[in-house]
Amino acid sequence: MTVIYQDRNDTAFLKKIYEGLEDTKAVVCKYDTPVENRMKAEAAIRTEPDRIAMLGHGTQLGLLNPNFYGYVVNGSNAHMLKDKNVIAIWCWAGNFMQRQRLTGFSTSMFISEENEALYMGFPEAREEDIHRENDIFSERVRALIDANVDLKQWPELLRSQADMSKPFVKFNYDGLSYYYNGIKMDRFEREQSRKIYEKISGLSDLPGNAAELRKR
């Protein structure tokens, strides 16, 4: 797997998704090197045979540079992702997947800070709780990677573990989707997803913190 990570203080929780993974190449995009970030990302995508994970802040147009000046990945180089299994985690990444007709897992608008919660109509959400939920989300995604779960199962599995009693959490997890060539696939193999969840949440010998996550 190749990871393209937008290196910022407010995206640090996403490092839990890939740090320490074997056979993983990480492109860490720095604040003051927007041109180099894009060049390194494109070179890494070109040589990756299967899975690309893109993590950080972005828009429906793509993954932004850490300084928000231009894009690391957008419509001008998205063609390089056509034959890849994509993991796109940033705000409105699903719209990007749809626009570019890509295949893989994505978030929609994803609340990761208190000001975003306020803007999206969740004034009761507090920074500490949001950050805790961000960490748990990253740990759950990592557990799915460690367990080699098919990307199309991810949305249902993640939703089944989330505390949907919290409005901002429900909002975040309701926006998780799997796309196939830009087509949003909902309710994908629910029964199989349930069985996989029972397996990965019940075993203590899985890599990472999968067994611990079901207690949260």
C-alpha atoms as a PDB file:
ATOM      1  CA  MET A   1       0.000   0.000   0.000  1.00  0.00           C
ATOM      2  CA  THR A   2       1.059   3.567  -0.681  1.00  0.00           C
ATOM      3  CA  VAL A   3      -0.035   6.345   1.688  1.00  0.00           C
ATOM      4  CA  ILE A   4      -0.173  10.028   0.816  1.00  0.00           C
ATOM      5  CA  TYR A   5      -0.424  11.894   4.109  1.00  0.00           C
ATOM      6  CA  GLN A   6      -0.945  15.625   4.581  1.00  0.00           C
ATOM      7  CA  ASP A   7       1.386  16.512   7.459  1.00  0.00           C
ATOM      8  CA  ARG A   8      -0.366  18.943   9.821  1.00  0.00           C
ATOM      9  CA  ASN A   9      -0.942  19.082  13.575  1.00  0.00           C
ATOM     10  CA  ASP A  10      -4.699  18.693  13.082  1.00  0.00           C
ATOM     11  CA  THR A  11      -4.293  15.563  10.939  1.00  0.00           C
ATOM     12  CA  ALA A  12      -1.899  13.740  13.287  1.00  0.00           C
ATOM     13  CA  PHE A  13      -4.624  11.299  14.368  1.00  0.00           C
ATOM     14  CA  LEU A  14      -4.584   9.858  10.837  1.00  0.00           C
ATOM     15  CA  LYS A  15      -1.030   8.584  11.295  1.00  0.00           C
ATOM     16  CA  LYS A  16      -2.478   5.737  13.349  1.00  0.00           C
ATOM     17  CA  ILE A  17      -3.895   4.340  10.126  1.00  0.00           C
ATOM     18  CA  TYR A  18      -0.540   3.574   8.542  1.00  0.00           C
ATOM     19  CA  GLU A  19       2.411   3.973  10.929  1.00  0.00           C
ATOM     20  CA  GLY A  20       4.179   0.666  11.487  1.00  0.00           C
ATOM     21  CA  LEU A  21       2.441  -1.135   8.629  1.00  0.00           C
ATOM     22  CA  GLU A  22       4.665  -3.540   6.733  1.00  0.00           C
ATOM     23  CA  ASP A  23       5.100  -3.190   2.977  1.00  0.00           C
ATOM     24  CA  THR A  24       3.786   0.360   3.091  1.00  0.00           C
ATOM     25  CA  LYS A  25       5.336   3.382   1.412  1.00  0.00           C
ATOM     26  CA  ALA A  26       4.401   6.775   2.871  1.00  0.00           C
ATOM     27  CA  VAL A  27       4.618  10.108   1.072  1.00  0.00           C
ATOM     28  CA  VAL A  28       4.529  12.740   3.814  1.00  0.00           C
ATOM     29  CA  CYS A  29       3.452  16.046   2.283  1.00  0.00           C
ATOM     30  CA  LYS A  30       5.117  19.012   3.985  1.00  0.00           C
ATOM     31  CA  TYR A  31       3.742  22.503   4.556  1.00  0.00           C
ATOM     32  CA  ASP A  32       6.281  24.469   2.531  1.00  0.00           C
ATOM     33  CA  THR A  33       6.909  22.123  -0.433  1.00  0.00           C
ATOM     34  CA  PRO A  34       3.670  22.050  -2.479  1.00  0.00           C
ATOM     35  CA  VAL A  35       5.330  21.326  -5.826  1.00  0.00           C
ATOM     36  CA  GLU A  36       7.543  18.593  -4.403  1.00  0.00           C
ATOM     37  CA  ASN A  37       4.555  17.080  -2.601  1.00  0.00           C
ATOM     38  CA  ARG A  38       2.697  16.635  -5.849  1.00  0.00           C
ATOM     39  CA  MET A  39       5.701  15.237  -7.703  1.00  0.00           C
ATOM     40  CA  LYS A  40       6.430  12.680  -4.973  1.00  0.00           C
ATOM     41  CA  ALA A  41       2.779  11.663  -4.755  1.00  0.00           C
ATOM     42  CA  GLU A  42       2.512  11.110  -8.496  1.00  0.00           C
ATOM     43  CA  ALA A  43       5.727   9.063  -8.552  1.00  0.00           C
ATOM     44  CA  ALA A  44       4.439   6.893  -5.703  1.00  0.00           C
ATOM     45  CA  ILE A  45       1.037   6.369  -7.330  1.00  0.00           C
ATOM     46  CA  ARG A  46       2.721   5.412 -10.571  1.00  0.00           C
ATOM     47  CA  THR A  47       4.651   2.581  -8.944  1.00  0.00           C
ATOM     48  CA  GLU A  48       1.884   1.307  -6.616  1.00  0.00           C
ATOM     49  CA  PRO A  49       0.179  -1.793  -8.063  1.00  0.00           C
ATOM     50  CA  ASP A  50      -2.891  -1.878  -5.839  1.00  0.00           C
ATOM     51  CA  ARG A  51      -3.926   0.303  -2.892  1.00  0.00           C
ATOM     52  CA  ILE A  52      -3.551   4.059  -2.412  1.00  0.00           C
ATOM     53  CA  ALA A  53      -4.565   5.754   0.848  1.00  0.00           C
ATOM     54  CA  MET A  54      -4.878   9.553   0.849  1.00  0.00           C
ATOM     55  CA  LEU A  55      -5.278  11.206   4.244  1.00  0.00           C
ATOM     56  CA  GLY A  56      -5.736  14.818   5.319  1.00  0.00           C
ATOM     57  CA  HIS A  57      -7.818  17.865   4.460  1.00  0.00           C
ATOM     58  CA  GLY A  58      -9.410  18.397   1.094  1.00  0.00           C
ATOM     59  CA  THR A  59     -12.485  19.304  -0.899  1.00  0.00           C
ATOM     60  CA  GLN A  60     -14.622  17.673  -3.562  1.00  0.00           C
ATOM     61  CA  LEU A  61     -11.825  18.637  -5.966  1.00  0.00           C
ATOM     62  CA  GLY A  62      -9.129  16.588  -4.229  1.00  0.00           C
ATOM     63  CA  LEU A  63      -6.534  16.316  -1.456  1.00  0.00           C
ATOM     64  CA  LEU A  64      -5.068  19.700  -0.535  1.00  0.00           C
ATOM     65  CA  ASN A  65      -1.476  20.586   0.204  1.00  0.00           C
ATOM     66  CA  PRO A  66      -0.831  21.119   3.941  1.00  0.00           C
ATOM     67  CA  ASN A  67      -0.701  24.905   3.435  1.00  0.00           C
ATOM     68  CA  PHE A  68      -3.997  24.724   1.480  1.00  0.00           C
ATOM     69  CA  TYR A  69      -2.218  26.183  -1.550  1.00  0.00           C
ATOM     70  CA  GLY A  70      -3.159  23.920  -4.436  1.00  0.00           C
ATOM     71  CA  TYR A  71      -3.757  20.188  -4.502  1.00  0.00           C
ATOM     72  CA  VAL A  72      -1.564  17.134  -4.126  1.00  0.00           C
ATOM     73  CA  VAL A  73      -4.175  15.051  -5.949  1.00  0.00           C
ATOM     74  CA  ASN A  74      -7.008  16.481  -8.027  1.00  0.00           C
ATOM     75  CA  GLY A  75      -8.711  16.126 -11.390  1.00  0.00           C
ATOM     76  CA  SER A  76      -5.506  16.701 -13.333  1.00  0.00           C
ATOM     77  CA  ASN A  77      -3.781  13.586 -11.969  1.00  0.00           C
ATOM     78  CA  ALA A  78      -6.745  11.506 -10.770  1.00  0.00           C
ATOM     79  CA  HIS A  79      -6.507   9.361 -13.908  1.00  0.00           C
ATOM     80  CA  MET A  80      -3.499   7.725 -12.253  1.00  0.00           C
ATOM     81  CA  LEU A  81      -5.863   6.285  -9.628  1.00  0.00           C
ATOM     82  CA  LYS A  82      -8.291   4.628 -12.073  1.00  0.00           C
ATOM     83  CA  ASP A  83      -6.978   1.080 -11.650  1.00  0.00           C
ATOM     84  CA  LYS A  84      -6.235   1.382  -7.902  1.00  0.00           C
ATOM     85  CA  ASN A  85      -8.159   0.506  -4.759  1.00  0.00           C
ATOM     86  CA  VAL A  86      -8.474   3.912  -3.120  1.00  0.00           C
ATOM     87  CA  ILE A  87      -8.851   4.905   0.523  1.00  0.00           C
ATOM     88  CA  ALA A  88      -9.818   8.592   0.531  1.00  0.00           C
ATOM     89  CA  ILE A  89     -10.155  10.186   3.961  1.00  0.00           C
ATOM     90  CA  TRP A  90     -10.764  13.918   3.871  1.00  0.00           C
ATOM     91  CA  CYS A  91     -13.812  16.202   3.841  1.00  0.00           C
ATOM     92  CA  TRP A  92     -15.966  15.592   0.746  1.00  0.00           C
ATOM     93  CA  ALA A  93     -13.691  12.846  -0.565  1.00  0.00           C
ATOM     94  CA  GLY A  94     -16.768  10.914  -1.689  1.00  0.00           C
ATOM     95  CA  ASN A  95     -17.644  13.677  -4.135  1.00  0.00           C
ATOM     96  CA  PHE A  96     -14.130  13.422  -5.545  1.00  0.00           C
ATOM     97  CA  MET A  97     -14.494   9.643  -5.950  1.00  0.00           C
ATOM     98  CA  GLN A  98     -17.754  10.144  -7.797  1.00  0.00           C
ATOM     99  CA  ARG A  99     -16.467  12.931 -10.034  1.00  0.00           C
ATOM    100  CA  GLN A 100     -13.347  10.996 -11.008  1.00  0.00           C
ATOM    101  CA  ARG A 101     -15.100   7.596 -11.253  1.00  0.00           C
ATOM    102  CA  LEU A 102     -12.780   5.907  -8.782  1.00  0.00           C
ATOM    103  CA  THR A 103     -13.117   2.687  -6.813  1.00  0.00           C
ATOM    104  CA  GLY A 104     -12.680   2.392  -3.070  1.00  0.00           C
ATOM    105  CA  PHE A 105     -13.623   3.675   0.378  1.00  0.00           C
ATOM    106  CA  SER A 106     -14.192   7.311   1.267  1.00  0.00           C
ATOM    107  CA  THR A 107     -15.504   9.749   3.826  1.00  0.00           C
ATOM    108  CA  SER A 108     -17.883  12.588   3.096  1.00  0.00           C
ATOM    109  CA  MET A 109     -17.816  15.751   5.198  1.00  0.00           C
ATOM    110  CA  PHE A 110     -16.020  14.557   8.342  1.00  0.00           C
ATOM    111  CA  ILE A 111     -16.067  16.633  11.518  1.00  0.00           C
ATOM    112  CA  SER A 112     -12.594  16.649  13.060  1.00  0.00           C
ATOM    113  CA  GLU A 113     -12.627  19.976  14.947  1.00  0.00           C
ATOM    114  CA  GLU A 114     -15.054  21.905  17.131  1.00  0.00           C
ATOM    115  CA  ASN A 115     -15.412  24.765  14.655  1.00  0.00           C
ATOM    116  CA  GLU A 116     -16.451  22.275  11.954  1.00  0.00           C
ATOM    117  CA  ALA A 117     -19.027  20.795  14.327  1.00  0.00           C
ATOM    118  CA  LEU A 118     -20.460  24.241  15.002  1.00  0.00           C
ATOM    119  CA  TYR A 119     -20.577  25.067  11.290  1.00  0.00           C
ATOM    120  CA  MET A 120     -22.357  21.783  10.487  1.00  0.00           C
ATOM    121  CA  GLY A 121     -24.974  22.342  13.204  1.00  0.00           C
ATOM    122  CA  PHE A 122     -23.632  20.338  16.162  1.00  0.00           C
ATOM    123  CA  PRO A 123     -22.959  22.997  18.838  1.00  0.00           C
ATOM    124  CA  GLU A 124     -23.024  20.386  21.621  1.00  0.00           C
ATOM    125  CA  ALA A 125     -19.875  18.648  20.311  1.00  0.00           C
ATOM    126  CA  ARG A 126     -16.724  19.445  22.281  1.00  0.00           C
ATOM    127  CA  GLU A 127     -13.127  19.420  21.068  1.00  0.00           C
ATOM    128  CA  GLU A 128     -11.977  16.727  23.500  1.00  0.00           C
ATOM    129  CA  ASP A 129     -14.744  14.338  22.494  1.00  0.00           C
ATOM    130  CA  ILE A 130     -14.223  15.039  18.794  1.00  0.00           C
ATOM    131  CA  HIS A 131     -10.508  14.293  19.086  1.00  0.00           C
ATOM    132  CA  ARG A 132     -11.204  11.086  20.991  1.00  0.00           C
ATOM    133  CA  GLU A 133     -13.629   9.947  18.293  1.00  0.00           C
ATOM    134  CA  ASN A 134     -11.083  10.844  15.615  1.00  0.00           C
ATOM    135  CA  ASP A 135      -8.536   8.596  17.306  1.00  0.00           C
ATOM    136  CA  ILE A 136     -11.029   5.744  17.595  1.00  0.00           C
ATOM    137  CA  PHE A 137     -11.964   6.092  13.923  1.00  0.00           C
ATOM    138  CA  SER A 138      -8.319   5.841  12.873  1.00  0.00           C
ATOM    139  CA  GLU A 139      -7.784   2.815  15.119  1.00  0.00           C
ATOM    140  CA  ARG A 140     -10.818   1.097  13.611  1.00  0.00           C
ATOM    141  CA  VAL A 141      -9.641   1.765  10.077  1.00  0.00           C
ATOM    142  CA  ARG A 142      -6.223   0.398  11.014  1.00  0.00           C
ATOM    143  CA  ALA A 143      -7.841  -2.752  12.444  1.00  0.00           C
ATOM    144  CA  LEU A 144      -9.640  -3.333   9.134  1.00  0.00           C
ATOM    145  CA  ILE A 145      -6.379  -2.950   7.239  1.00  0.00           C
ATOM    146  CA  ASP A 146      -4.594  -5.322   9.607  1.00  0.00           C
ATOM    147  CA  ALA A 147      -7.389  -7.875   9.188  1.00  0.00           C
ATOM    148  CA  ASN A 148      -7.244  -7.506   5.379  1.00  0.00           C
ATOM    149  CA  VAL A 149     -10.974  -6.739   5.136  1.00  0.00           C
ATOM    150  CA  ASP A 150     -12.291  -5.889   1.667  1.00  0.00           C
ATOM    151  CA  LEU A 151     -12.858  -2.144   1.242  1.00  0.00           C
ATOM    152  CA  LYS A 152     -16.459  -2.610   0.205  1.00  0.00           C
ATOM    153  CA  GLN A 153     -17.200  -3.982   3.670  1.00  0.00           C
ATOM    154  CA  TRP A 154     -15.728  -1.006   5.502  1.00  0.00           C
ATOM    155  CA  PRO A 155     -18.702   1.404   5.674  1.00  0.00           C
ATOM    156  CA  GLU A 156     -21.055  -1.115   7.286  1.00  0.00           C
ATOM    157  CA  LEU A 157     -18.415  -2.492   9.629  1.00  0.00           C
ATOM    158  CA  LEU A 158     -17.367   0.950  10.828  1.00  0.00           C
ATOM    159  CA  ARG A 159     -20.957   2.080  11.323  1.00  0.00           C
ATOM    160  CA  SER A 160     -21.710  -1.055  13.340  1.00  0.00           C
ATOM    161  CA  GLN A 161     -18.950  -0.100  15.804  1.00  0.00           C
ATOM    162  CA  ALA A 162     -19.708   3.623  16.117  1.00  0.00           C
ATOM    163  CA  ASP A 163     -21.503   5.360  18.979  1.00  0.00           C
ATOM    164  CA  MET A 164     -24.391   6.632  16.874  1.00  0.00           C
ATOM    165  CA  SER A 165     -26.011   8.237  19.924  1.00  0.00           C
ATOM    166  CA  LYS A 166     -23.619  11.141  19.421  1.00  0.00           C
ATOM    167  CA  PRO A 167     -25.039  13.319  16.613  1.00  0.00           C
ATOM    168  CA  PHE A 168     -21.677  14.401  15.183  1.00  0.00           C
ATOM    169  CA  VAL A 169     -20.437  10.797  15.185  1.00  0.00           C
ATOM    170  CA  LYS A 170     -23.569   9.629  13.380  1.00  0.00           C
ATOM    171  CA  PHE A 171     -23.041  12.409  10.851  1.00  0.00           C
ATOM    172  CA  ASN A 172     -19.445  11.332  10.217  1.00  0.00           C
ATOM    173  CA  TYR A 173     -20.165   7.616   9.927  1.00  0.00           C
ATOM    174  CA  ASP A 174     -23.318   8.069   7.832  1.00  0.00           C
ATOM    175  CA  GLY A 175     -21.055   9.679   5.234  1.00  0.00           C
ATOM    176  CA  LEU A 176     -18.805   6.633   4.812  1.00  0.00           C
ATOM    177  CA  SER A 177     -19.192   4.972   1.419  1.00  0.00           C
ATOM    178  CA  TYR A 178     -17.767   2.473  -1.009  1.00  0.00           C
ATOM    179  CA  TYR A 179     -17.602   3.520  -4.660  1.00  0.00           C
ATOM    180  CA  TYR A 180     -17.194   1.332  -7.704  1.00  0.00           C
ATOM    181  CA  ASN A 181     -16.081   3.306 -10.750  1.00  0.00           C
ATOM    182  CA  GLY A 182     -17.654   6.371  -9.157  1.00  0.00           C
ATOM    183  CA  ILE A 183     -20.954   4.647  -8.352  1.00  0.00           C
ATOM    184  CA  LYS A 184     -21.895   4.702  -4.677  1.00  0.00           C
ATOM    185  CA  MET A 185     -22.639   1.193  -3.430  1.00  0.00           C
ATOM    186  CA  ASP A 186     -24.937   1.178  -0.382  1.00  0.00           C
ATOM    187  CA  ARG A 187     -25.906  -1.718   1.890  1.00  0.00           C
ATOM    188  CA  PHE A 188     -23.185  -3.886   0.415  1.00  0.00           C
ATOM    189  CA  GLU A 189     -23.440  -7.503   1.624  1.00  0.00           C
ATOM    190  CA  ARG A 190     -24.763  -6.649   5.099  1.00  0.00           C
ATOM    191  CA  GLU A 191     -24.811 -10.222   6.375  1.00  0.00           C
ATOM    192  CA  GLN A 192     -21.240 -10.863   5.313  1.00  0.00           C
ATOM    193  CA  SER A 193     -20.189  -7.576   6.904  1.00  0.00           C
ATOM    194  CA  ARG A 194     -21.836  -8.579  10.181  1.00  0.00           C
ATOM    195  CA  LYS A 195     -19.994 -11.905  10.239  1.00  0.00           C
ATOM    196  CA  ILE A 196     -16.662 -10.238   9.514  1.00  0.00           C
ATOM    197  CA  TYR A 197     -17.258  -7.705  12.286  1.00  0.00           C
ATOM    198  CA  GLU A 198     -18.035 -10.470  14.787  1.00  0.00           C
ATOM    199  CA  LYS A 199     -14.822 -12.179  13.799  1.00  0.00           C
ATOM    200  CA  ILE A 200     -12.475  -9.193  14.028  1.00  0.00           C
ATOM    201  CA  SER A 201     -14.062  -7.815  17.210  1.00  0.00           C
ATOM    202  CA  GLY A 202     -13.963 -11.154  18.996  1.00  0.00           C
ATOM    203  CA  LEU A 203     -10.375 -12.235  18.405  1.00  0.00           C
ATOM    204  CA  SER A 204      -7.593 -11.055  20.697  1.00  0.00           C
ATOM    205  CA  ASP A 205      -4.739 -12.047  18.406  1.00  0.00           C
ATOM    206  CA  LEU A 206      -5.471  -9.641  15.576  1.00  0.00           C
ATOM    207  CA  PRO A 207      -2.790  -7.030  14.855  1.00  0.00           C
ATOM    208  CA  GLY A 208      -3.366  -3.624  16.387  1.00  0.00           C
ATOM    209  CA  ASN A 209      -6.192  -2.844  18.810  1.00  0.00           C
ATOM    210  CA  ALA A 210      -9.133  -4.569  17.093  1.00  0.00           C
ATOM    211  CA  ALA A 211     -10.206  -6.575  20.126  1.00  0.00           C
ATOM    212  CA  GLU A 212     -10.017  -3.541  22.400  1.00  0.00           C
ATOM    213  CA  LEU A 213     -12.076  -1.358  20.083  1.00  0.00           C
ATOM    214  CA  ARG A 214     -15.313  -3.235  20.684  1.00  0.00           C
ATOM    215  CA  LYS A 215     -15.171  -2.175  24.334  1.00  0.00           C
ATOM    216  CA  ARG A 216     -15.288   1.535  23.481  1.00  0.00           C
END
